[in-house]
């Protein structure tokens, strides 16, 4: 079992800052503890056709299962 608090908040913040600056995943191991952080990914944008397809599928599901 790994020890709690193997990394300080300052260290974790530093690793996150590096991941964002370099646009890369940072992985640090200390004993049995692994800290891994990646830069945030932008959510995929749906175009209007994809969105309307999803809306149609949801509507059909609700009708099929009697959900209002």
Protein backbone atom coordinates (compact mmCIF):
# COMPACT_ATOMS: atom_id res chain seq x y z
CA UNK A 1 0.00 0.00 0.00
CA UNK A 2 1.37 3.43 -0.90
CA UNK A 3 1.76 6.25 1.58
CA UNK A 4 -0.73 9.08 1.39
CA UNK A 5 0.72 12.44 0.49
CA UNK A 6 3.73 11.19 -1.45
CA UNK A 7 3.63 14.42 -3.47
CA UNK A 8 3.01 17.90 -2.12
CA UNK A 9 0.38 20.19 -3.59
CA UNK A 10 3.18 22.45 -4.79
CA UNK A 11 4.82 19.57 -6.66
CA UNK A 12 1.54 18.47 -8.23
CA UNK A 13 0.82 22.05 -9.32
CA UNK A 14 4.30 22.27 -10.86
CA UNK A 15 3.77 18.98 -12.75
CA UNK A 16 0.41 20.25 -14.04
CA UNK A 17 1.97 23.54 -15.16
CA UNK A 18 4.67 21.64 -17.07
CA UNK A 19 2.06 19.38 -18.71
CA UNK A 20 0.12 22.43 -19.89
CA UNK A 21 3.22 24.33 -21.05
CA UNK A 22 4.63 21.37 -22.99
CA UNK A 23 1.22 19.98 -24.05
CA UNK A 24 2.36 16.55 -22.86
CA UNK A 25 1.55 13.98 -20.20
CA UNK A 26 3.80 14.15 -17.15
CA UNK A 27 4.30 10.99 -15.08
CA UNK A 28 6.33 10.97 -11.88
CA UNK A 29 6.97 7.95 -9.67
CA UNK A 30 8.03 8.09 -6.06
CA UNK A 31 8.25 4.68 -4.46
CA UNK A 32 5.00 2.88 -5.27
CA UNK A 33 3.10 6.11 -5.91
CA UNK A 34 2.55 7.34 -9.46
CA UNK A 35 1.30 10.83 -10.27
CA UNK A 36 0.20 11.36 -13.88
CA UNK A 37 -1.28 14.54 -15.32
CA UNK A 38 -2.21 15.54 -18.88
CA UNK A 39 -3.22 18.89 -20.31
CA UNK A 40 -6.96 19.40 -20.63
CA UNK A 41 -8.43 18.39 -23.97
CA UNK A 42 -10.98 20.59 -25.66
CA UNK A 43 -14.35 18.92 -26.01
CA UNK A 44 -15.15 17.74 -29.51
CA UNK A 45 -17.53 20.06 -31.28
CA UNK A 46 -20.55 18.49 -32.96
CA UNK A 47 -21.75 19.95 -36.19
CA UNK A 48 -25.47 20.65 -36.52
CA UNK A 49 -26.15 17.46 -38.52
CA UNK A 50 -24.56 15.26 -35.84
CA UNK A 51 -26.45 17.09 -33.12
CA UNK A 52 -29.79 16.65 -34.87
CA UNK A 53 -29.00 12.94 -35.43
CA UNK A 54 -28.43 12.56 -31.69
CA UNK A 55 -31.65 14.44 -30.94
CA UNK A 56 -33.56 12.08 -33.26
CA UNK A 57 -32.02 9.01 -31.63
CA UNK A 58 -32.88 10.27 -28.15
CA UNK A 59 -36.46 11.03 -29.21
CA UNK A 60 -36.84 7.54 -30.72
CA UNK A 61 -35.43 5.97 -27.55
CA UNK A 62 -37.86 7.91 -25.38
CA UNK A 63 -40.82 6.86 -27.54
CA UNK A 64 -39.70 3.21 -27.54
CA UNK A 65 -39.31 3.14 -23.75
CA UNK A 66 -42.33 5.30 -22.89
CA UNK A 67 -40.30 8.16 -21.47
CA UNK A 68 -41.76 11.65 -21.74
